[in-house]
């Protein structure tokens, strides 16, 4: 079973980040910006980028494809994968959350739930079915002990 997605998760992230910036400037809604919140937002953004990048690096080190729905050769269960089955998606979500907090308006946070729904429905559910087909009981055991992503 080979699924191809035309728009990959980093592209969805970029679209949502652009939407967050646009909404901040054109529909700021409630402005809550303080220096402290902006610093926290930047920290969350940077942590999210680090989480996604290091999780992708683990795929590369293991010699398994990082692109969704390409046939995995290794089921990663260490590093970030001890805590979440989808650290790349969680990292992207944190980056988007951090960006919204750093911008300092509720409007900038509106793309966040859209991103979560897109990733969940377009990628995570299908990827988990795909991984179960490939790894069987090994994946079922992993799924039973580690949370999906949030």
N, C-alpha and C. Protein backbone atom coordinates (compact mmCIF):
# COMPACT_ATOMS: atom_id res chain seq x y z
N UNK A 1 0.84 -1.18 0.00
CA UNK A 1 0.00 0.00 0.00
C UNK A 1 0.89 1.24 0.00
N UNK A 2 0.79 2.05 -1.00
CA UNK A 2 1.61 3.25 -1.14
C UNK A 2 0.68 4.45 -1.29
N UNK A 3 0.69 5.34 -0.33
CA UNK A 3 -0.10 6.56 -0.37
C UNK A 3 0.83 7.71 -0.72
N UNK A 4 0.39 8.58 -1.59
CA UNK A 4 1.17 9.77 -1.90
C UNK A 4 0.34 10.98 -1.54
N UNK A 5 0.95 11.92 -0.90
CA UNK A 5 0.31 13.18 -0.57
C UNK A 5 1.02 14.25 -1.38
N UNK A 6 0.25 15.04 -2.08
CA UNK A 6 0.85 16.10 -2.89
C UNK A 6 1.44 17.21 -2.02
N UNK A 7 0.74 17.53 -0.95
CA UNK A 7 1.20 18.58 -0.06
C UNK A 7 1.70 17.92 1.23
N UNK A 8 2.99 18.03 1.49
CA UNK A 8 3.60 17.39 2.65
C UNK A 8 3.46 18.25 3.90
N UNK A 9 3.60 17.67 5.08
CA UNK A 9 3.39 18.41 6.32
C UNK A 9 4.18 19.72 6.46
N UNK A 10 5.45 19.79 6.06
CA UNK A 10 6.14 21.08 6.19
C UNK A 10 5.49 22.19 5.34
N UNK A 11 4.88 21.81 4.23
CA UNK A 11 4.19 22.81 3.41
C UNK A 11 2.93 23.28 4.13
N UNK A 12 2.18 22.33 4.74
CA UNK A 12 1.01 22.73 5.53
C UNK A 12 1.44 23.64 6.68
N UNK A 13 2.57 23.34 7.30
CA UNK A 13 3.07 24.19 8.37
C UNK A 13 3.36 25.60 7.84
N UNK A 14 4.04 25.69 6.71
CA UNK A 14 4.37 27.00 6.14
C UNK A 14 3.11 27.79 5.81
N UNK A 15 2.11 27.12 5.25
CA UNK A 15 0.84 27.79 4.92
C UNK A 15 0.18 28.31 6.19
N UNK A 16 0.17 27.49 7.23
CA UNK A 16 -0.45 27.90 8.49
C UNK A 16 0.35 29.02 9.16
N UNK A 17 1.67 28.98 9.06
CA UNK A 17 2.49 30.07 9.61
C UNK A 17 2.21 31.38 8.88
N UNK A 18 2.11 31.31 7.57
CA UNK A 18 1.78 32.53 6.80
C UNK A 18 0.39 33.03 7.16
N UNK A 19 -0.54 32.11 7.33
CA UNK A 19 -1.90 32.50 7.73
C UNK A 19 -1.88 33.14 9.11
N UNK A 20 -1.07 32.60 10.04
CA UNK A 20 -0.98 33.17 11.38
C UNK A 20 -0.47 34.61 11.33
N UNK A 21 0.56 34.84 10.53
CA UNK A 21 1.11 36.19 10.40
C UNK A 21 0.07 37.12 9.77
N UNK A 22 -0.58 36.66 8.72
CA UNK A 22 -1.61 37.48 8.05
C UNK A 22 -2.76 37.79 9.01
N UNK A 23 -3.21 36.80 9.73
CA UNK A 23 -4.31 37.02 10.67
C UNK A 23 -3.90 37.96 11.80
N UNK A 24 -2.65 37.86 12.23
CA UNK A 24 -2.16 38.76 13.27
C UNK A 24 -2.25 40.21 12.82
N UNK A 25 -1.88 40.47 11.58
CA UNK A 25 -1.87 41.85 11.10
C UNK A 25 -3.23 42.32 10.60
N UNK A 26 -4.02 41.42 10.02
CA UNK A 26 -5.29 41.85 9.42
C UNK A 26 -6.51 41.52 10.27
N UNK A 27 -6.39 40.61 11.22
CA UNK A 27 -7.48 40.25 12.12
C UNK A 27 -6.88 39.89 13.48
N UNK A 28 -6.28 40.86 14.15
CA UNK A 28 -5.56 40.55 15.38
C UNK A 28 -6.45 40.10 16.54
N UNK A 29 -7.74 40.39 16.48
CA UNK A 29 -8.67 40.07 17.56
C UNK A 29 -8.11 40.61 18.88
N UNK A 30 -7.91 39.78 19.84
CA UNK A 30 -7.44 40.21 21.15
C UNK A 30 -5.91 40.27 21.15
N UNK A 31 -5.37 41.44 21.38
CA UNK A 31 -3.92 41.60 21.44
C UNK A 31 -3.46 41.39 22.88
N UNK A 32 -2.64 40.40 23.12
CA UNK A 32 -2.18 40.09 24.47
C UNK A 32 -0.66 40.14 24.58
N UNK A 33 -0.02 40.81 23.66
CA UNK A 33 1.44 40.80 23.57
C UNK A 33 2.08 41.45 24.79
N UNK A 34 2.97 40.72 25.40
CA UNK A 34 3.87 41.25 26.42
C UNK A 34 5.25 40.71 26.07
N UNK A 35 6.26 41.34 26.57
CA UNK A 35 7.62 40.87 26.30
C UNK A 35 7.79 39.44 26.79
N UNK A 36 7.29 39.16 27.98
CA UNK A 36 7.42 37.82 28.57
C UNK A 36 6.76 36.77 27.67
N UNK A 37 5.54 37.03 27.21
CA UNK A 37 4.85 36.06 26.34
C UNK A 37 5.57 35.90 25.01
N UNK A 38 6.09 36.98 24.48
CA UNK A 38 6.84 36.87 23.22
C UNK A 38 8.08 35.99 23.40
N UNK A 39 8.77 36.15 24.52
CA UNK A 39 9.95 35.32 24.79
C UNK A 39 9.54 33.85 24.93
N UNK A 40 8.47 33.58 25.66
CA UNK A 40 7.97 32.21 25.80
C UNK A 40 7.59 31.65 24.43
N UNK A 41 6.91 32.46 23.62
CA UNK A 41 6.51 32.02 22.28
C UNK A 41 7.70 31.65 21.42
N UNK A 42 8.73 32.46 21.44
CA UNK A 42 9.94 32.17 20.66
C UNK A 42 10.60 30.89 21.17
N UNK A 43 10.63 30.72 22.49
CA UNK A 43 11.22 29.50 23.06
C UNK A 43 10.44 28.26 22.62
N UNK A 44 9.13 28.33 22.64
CA UNK A 44 8.30 27.19 22.20
C UNK A 44 8.52 26.94 20.70
N UNK A 45 8.57 28.00 19.92
CA UNK A 45 8.84 27.89 18.48
C UNK A 45 10.17 27.18 18.24
N UNK A 46 11.22 27.62 18.91
CA UNK A 46 12.54 27.02 18.71
C UNK A 46 12.58 25.57 19.18
N UNK A 47 11.93 25.29 20.31
CA UNK A 47 11.87 23.91 20.80
C UNK A 47 11.14 23.02 19.79
N UNK A 48 10.05 23.51 19.22
CA UNK A 48 9.31 22.74 18.22
C UNK A 48 10.14 22.44 16.98
N UNK A 49 10.89 23.43 16.52
CA UNK A 49 11.76 23.22 15.37
C UNK A 49 12.83 22.18 15.71
N UNK A 50 13.41 22.31 16.90
CA UNK A 50 14.42 21.34 17.33
C UNK A 50 13.84 19.93 17.40
N UNK A 51 12.66 19.79 17.98
CA UNK A 51 12.04 18.47 18.11
C UNK A 51 11.80 17.85 16.73
N UNK A 52 11.23 18.61 15.82
CA UNK A 52 10.97 18.09 14.47
C UNK A 52 12.25 17.72 13.75
N UNK A 53 13.22 18.60 13.81
CA UNK A 53 14.48 18.36 13.09
C UNK A 53 15.23 17.16 13.67
N UNK A 54 15.28 17.06 14.99
CA UNK A 54 16.01 15.93 15.57
C UNK A 54 15.28 14.62 15.34
N UNK A 55 13.95 14.64 15.33
CA UNK A 55 13.20 13.42 15.01
C UNK A 55 13.42 13.00 13.56
N UNK A 56 13.46 13.98 12.66
CA UNK A 56 13.75 13.67 11.25
C UNK A 56 15.17 13.13 11.11
N UNK A 57 16.10 13.70 11.88
CA UNK A 57 17.47 13.20 11.86
C UNK A 57 17.56 11.76 12.32
N UNK A 58 16.72 11.38 13.28
CA UNK A 58 16.71 9.98 13.74
C UNK A 58 16.28 9.05 12.61
N UNK A 59 15.33 9.48 11.79
CA UNK A 59 14.93 8.69 10.62
C UNK A 59 16.12 8.53 9.68
N UNK A 60 16.81 9.62 9.42
CA UNK A 60 17.95 9.56 8.51
C UNK A 60 19.06 8.65 9.05
N UNK A 61 19.35 8.76 10.34
CA UNK A 61 20.38 7.90 10.94
C UNK A 61 19.98 6.43 10.89
N UNK A 62 18.69 6.15 11.01
CA UNK A 62 18.21 4.77 10.98
C UNK A 62 18.10 4.24 9.54
N UNK A 63 18.26 5.13 8.57
CA UNK A 63 18.19 4.71 7.17
C UNK A 63 16.78 4.40 6.69
N UNK A 64 15.79 5.05 7.28
CA UNK A 64 14.40 4.83 6.87
C UNK A 64 13.84 6.14 6.34
N UNK A 65 12.94 6.10 5.36
CA UNK A 65 12.44 7.33 4.75
C UNK A 65 11.67 8.21 5.74
N UNK A 66 11.86 9.51 5.61
CA UNK A 66 11.17 10.48 6.45
C UNK A 66 9.89 10.98 5.79
N UNK A 67 9.76 10.81 4.48
CA UNK A 67 8.59 11.28 3.74
C UNK A 67 7.38 10.38 4.07
N UNK A 68 6.26 10.99 4.44
CA UNK A 68 5.08 10.19 4.79
C UNK A 68 4.67 9.21 3.70
N UNK A 69 4.33 8.02 4.12
CA UNK A 69 3.81 6.94 3.28
C UNK A 69 4.84 6.30 2.37
N UNK A 70 6.12 6.67 2.52
CA UNK A 70 7.15 5.85 1.88
C UNK A 70 7.38 4.67 2.81
N UNK A 71 7.70 3.53 2.26
CA UNK A 71 7.78 2.31 3.05
C UNK A 71 8.91 2.38 4.09
N UNK A 72 8.53 2.36 5.35
CA UNK A 72 9.48 2.40 6.46
C UNK A 72 10.23 1.08 6.55
N UNK A 73 11.50 1.17 6.91
CA UNK A 73 12.30 -0.04 7.08
C UNK A 73 12.63 -0.31 8.55
N UNK A 74 12.42 0.71 9.40
CA UNK A 74 12.72 0.61 10.82
C UNK A 74 11.60 1.31 11.58
N UNK A 75 11.15 0.70 12.66
CA UNK A 75 10.19 1.35 13.56
C UNK A 75 10.99 2.00 14.68
N UNK A 76 11.02 3.32 14.69
CA UNK A 76 11.78 4.04 15.72
C UNK A 76 10.99 4.06 17.02
N UNK A 77 11.65 3.68 18.11
CA UNK A 77 10.99 3.63 19.41
C UNK A 77 11.83 4.27 20.51
N UNK A 78 12.95 4.89 20.16
CA UNK A 78 13.78 5.54 21.17
C UNK A 78 13.82 7.04 20.92
N UNK A 79 14.58 7.76 21.72
CA UNK A 79 14.62 9.22 21.59
C UNK A 79 13.24 9.81 21.86
N UNK A 80 12.84 10.78 21.04
CA UNK A 80 11.52 11.39 21.17
C UNK A 80 10.40 10.35 21.07
N UNK A 81 10.66 9.28 20.35
CA UNK A 81 9.63 8.27 20.10
C UNK A 81 9.29 7.46 21.36
N UNK A 82 10.03 7.65 22.43
CA UNK A 82 9.64 7.04 23.71
C UNK A 82 8.45 7.76 24.33
N UNK A 83 8.22 9.02 23.92
CA UNK A 83 7.20 9.87 24.52
C UNK A 83 6.02 10.15 23.60
N UNK A 84 6.26 10.15 22.31
CA UNK A 84 5.22 10.45 21.33
C UNK A 84 5.50 9.67 20.05
N UNK A 85 4.44 9.15 19.44
CA UNK A 85 4.63 8.40 18.20
C UNK A 85 4.88 9.34 17.01
N UNK A 86 4.65 10.62 17.19
CA UNK A 86 4.76 11.57 16.09
C UNK A 86 5.49 12.85 16.50
N UNK A 87 6.76 12.75 16.89
CA UNK A 87 7.45 13.95 17.36
C UNK A 87 7.66 15.00 16.28
N UNK A 88 7.74 14.60 15.02
CA UNK A 88 7.88 15.62 13.98
C UNK A 88 6.62 16.48 13.90
N UNK A 89 5.46 15.85 13.94
CA UNK A 89 4.20 16.59 13.90
C UNK A 89 3.98 17.40 15.17
N UNK A 90 4.34 16.82 16.31
CA UNK A 90 4.23 17.56 17.56
C UNK A 90 5.15 18.77 17.53
N UNK A 91 6.35 18.61 17.03
CA UNK A 91 7.28 19.73 16.92
C UNK A 91 6.75 20.82 16.00
N UNK A 92 6.16 20.43 14.88
CA UNK A 92 5.58 21.43 13.98
C UNK A 92 4.44 22.16 14.66
N UNK A 93 3.64 21.43 15.41
CA UNK A 93 2.52 22.03 16.13
C UNK A 93 3.03 23.00 17.18
N UNK A 94 4.07 22.62 17.91
CA UNK A 94 4.66 23.53 18.89
C UNK A 94 5.25 24.77 18.22
N UNK A 95 5.86 24.60 17.06
CA UNK A 95 6.40 25.75 16.33
C UNK A 95 5.28 26.71 15.94
N UNK A 96 4.18 26.17 15.50
CA UNK A 96 3.04 27.01 15.12
C UNK A 96 2.44 27.69 16.36
N UNK A 97 2.30 26.96 17.46
CA UNK A 97 1.81 27.54 18.71
C UNK A 97 2.75 28.64 19.18
N UNK A 98 4.04 28.36 19.19
CA UNK A 98 5.01 29.36 19.62
C UNK A 98 4.97 30.61 18.77
N UNK A 99 4.78 30.44 17.48
CA UNK A 99 4.69 31.59 16.58
C UNK A 99 3.49 32.45 16.93
N UNK A 100 2.35 31.79 17.17
CA UNK A 100 1.14 32.53 17.52
C UNK A 100 1.29 33.28 18.83
N UNK A 101 1.90 32.64 19.82
CA UNK A 101 2.12 33.29 21.11
C UNK A 101 3.11 34.46 20.96
N UNK A 102 4.17 34.25 20.19
CA UNK A 102 5.16 35.31 19.98
C UNK A 102 4.56 36.50 19.24
N UNK A 103 3.65 36.25 18.31
CA UNK A 103 3.01 37.35 17.61
C UNK A 103 2.10 38.14 18.55
N UNK A 104 1.46 37.45 19.47
CA UNK A 104 0.73 38.14 20.53
C UNK A 104 -0.71 38.50 20.25
N UNK A 105 -1.38 37.77 19.37
CA UNK A 105 -2.81 38.02 19.17
C UNK A 105 -3.55 36.70 18.98
N UNK A 106 -4.79 36.69 19.36
CA UNK A 106 -5.60 35.49 19.21
C UNK A 106 -5.74 35.11 17.74
N UNK A 107 -5.82 36.10 16.88
CA UNK A 107 -5.93 35.83 15.44
C UNK A 107 -4.79 34.96 14.93
N UNK A 108 -3.60 35.17 15.47
CA UNK A 108 -2.43 34.39 15.05
C UNK A 108 -2.51 32.94 15.48
N UNK A 109 -3.37 32.64 16.44
CA UNK A 109 -3.52 31.25 16.91
C UNK A 109 -4.59 30.47 16.15
N UNK A 110 -5.39 31.15 15.35
CA UNK A 110 -6.50 30.47 14.66
C UNK A 110 -6.06 29.35 13.71
N UNK A 111 -4.92 29.45 13.03
CA UNK A 111 -4.52 28.34 12.16
C UNK A 111 -4.10 27.07 12.91
N UNK A 112 -3.81 27.17 14.20
CA UNK A 112 -3.33 26.02 14.95
C UNK A 112 -4.30 24.84 14.94
N UNK A 113 -5.57 25.00 15.29
CA UNK A 113 -6.47 23.84 15.23
C UNK A 113 -6.67 23.31 13.81
N UNK A 114 -6.59 24.19 12.83
CA UNK A 114 -6.70 23.75 11.43
C UNK A 114 -5.53 22.83 11.09
N UNK A 115 -4.33 23.23 11.49
CA UNK A 115 -3.14 22.41 11.24
C UNK A 115 -3.27 21.05 11.92
N UNK A 116 -3.72 21.04 13.18
CA UNK A 116 -3.85 19.78 13.91
C UNK A 116 -4.82 18.84 13.20
N UNK A 117 -5.95 19.35 12.78
CA UNK A 117 -6.95 18.52 12.08
C UNK A 117 -6.39 18.01 10.76
N UNK A 118 -5.71 18.87 10.00
CA UNK A 118 -5.12 18.45 8.72
C UNK A 118 -4.11 17.33 8.92
N UNK A 119 -3.21 17.49 9.85
CA UNK A 119 -2.17 16.49 10.08
C UNK A 119 -2.77 15.18 10.57
N UNK A 120 -3.72 15.29 11.48
CA UNK A 120 -4.38 14.09 12.01
C UNK A 120 -5.10 13.32 10.91
N UNK A 121 -5.88 14.02 10.10
CA UNK A 121 -6.71 13.33 9.10
C UNK A 121 -5.95 12.95 7.83
N UNK A 122 -5.04 13.81 7.39
CA UNK A 122 -4.34 13.53 6.12
C UNK A 122 -3.12 12.63 6.28
N UNK A 123 -2.56 12.59 7.49
CA UNK A 123 -1.31 11.87 7.65
C UNK A 123 -1.32 10.83 8.77
N UNK A 124 -1.55 11.25 9.98
CA UNK A 124 -1.33 10.35 11.11
C UNK A 124 -2.17 9.08 11.03
N UNK A 125 -3.45 9.20 10.80
CA UNK A 125 -4.31 8.00 10.77
C UNK A 125 -3.85 7.01 9.70
N UNK A 126 -3.59 7.49 8.51
CA UNK A 126 -3.13 6.61 7.43
C UNK A 126 -1.75 6.04 7.68
N UNK A 127 -0.86 6.87 8.22
CA UNK A 127 0.49 6.38 8.52
C UNK A 127 0.45 5.26 9.54
N UNK A 128 -0.42 5.40 10.54
CA UNK A 128 -0.49 4.36 11.56
C UNK A 128 -1.03 3.05 10.99
N UNK A 129 -1.99 3.14 10.09
CA UNK A 129 -2.47 1.92 9.41
C UNK A 129 -1.33 1.29 8.60
N UNK A 130 -0.59 2.13 7.90
CA UNK A 130 0.53 1.69 7.07
C UNK A 130 1.60 1.01 7.94
N UNK A 131 1.93 1.63 9.07
CA UNK A 131 2.94 1.06 9.96
C UNK A 131 2.48 -0.27 10.56
N UNK A 132 1.19 -0.38 10.83
CA UNK A 132 0.68 -1.65 11.35
C UNK A 132 0.78 -2.75 10.29
N UNK A 133 0.54 -2.39 9.04
CA UNK A 133 0.70 -3.38 7.96
C UNK A 133 2.16 -3.83 7.85
N UNK A 134 3.08 -2.90 8.00
CA UNK A 134 4.50 -3.22 7.84
C UNK A 134 5.06 -3.97 9.05
N UNK A 135 4.77 -3.46 10.25
CA UNK A 135 5.43 -3.96 11.46
C UNK A 135 4.55 -4.83 12.35
N UNK A 136 3.26 -4.91 12.07
CA UNK A 136 2.36 -5.80 12.80
C UNK A 136 2.38 -5.62 14.30
N UNK A 137 2.65 -6.72 15.02
CA UNK A 137 2.60 -6.71 16.48
C UNK A 137 3.60 -5.73 17.08
N UNK A 138 4.74 -5.57 16.47
CA UNK A 138 5.74 -4.62 16.97
C UNK A 138 5.12 -3.21 17.04
N UNK A 139 4.39 -2.81 15.99
CA UNK A 139 3.76 -1.50 16.00
C UNK A 139 2.60 -1.46 17.00
N UNK A 140 1.82 -2.51 17.08
CA UNK A 140 0.70 -2.54 18.04
C UNK A 140 1.21 -2.41 19.47
N UNK A 141 2.32 -3.05 19.79
CA UNK A 141 2.92 -2.92 21.13
C UNK A 141 3.39 -1.47 21.37
N UNK A 142 4.03 -0.90 20.37
CA UNK A 142 4.49 0.49 20.45
C UNK A 142 3.30 1.42 20.65
N UNK A 143 2.26 1.23 19.88
CA UNK A 143 1.05 2.06 19.97
C UNK A 143 0.41 1.94 21.34
N UNK A 144 0.47 0.78 21.95
CA UNK A 144 -0.15 0.56 23.26
C UNK A 144 0.61 1.28 24.39
N UNK A 145 1.90 1.52 24.20
CA UNK A 145 2.67 2.12 25.30
C UNK A 145 3.05 3.59 25.09
N UNK A 146 2.87 4.11 23.86
CA UNK A 146 3.29 5.48 23.59
C UNK A 146 2.11 6.28 23.01
N UNK A 147 1.91 7.50 23.54
CA UNK A 147 0.82 8.36 23.07
C UNK A 147 1.02 8.71 21.59
N UNK A 148 -0.11 9.01 20.93
CA UNK A 148 -0.07 9.35 19.50
C UNK A 148 0.78 10.59 19.23
N UNK A 149 0.35 11.73 19.74
CA UNK A 149 1.17 12.94 19.53
C UNK A 149 0.82 14.05 20.47
N UNK A 150 -0.42 14.23 20.84
CA UNK A 150 -0.75 15.26 21.83
C UNK A 150 -1.77 14.72 22.81
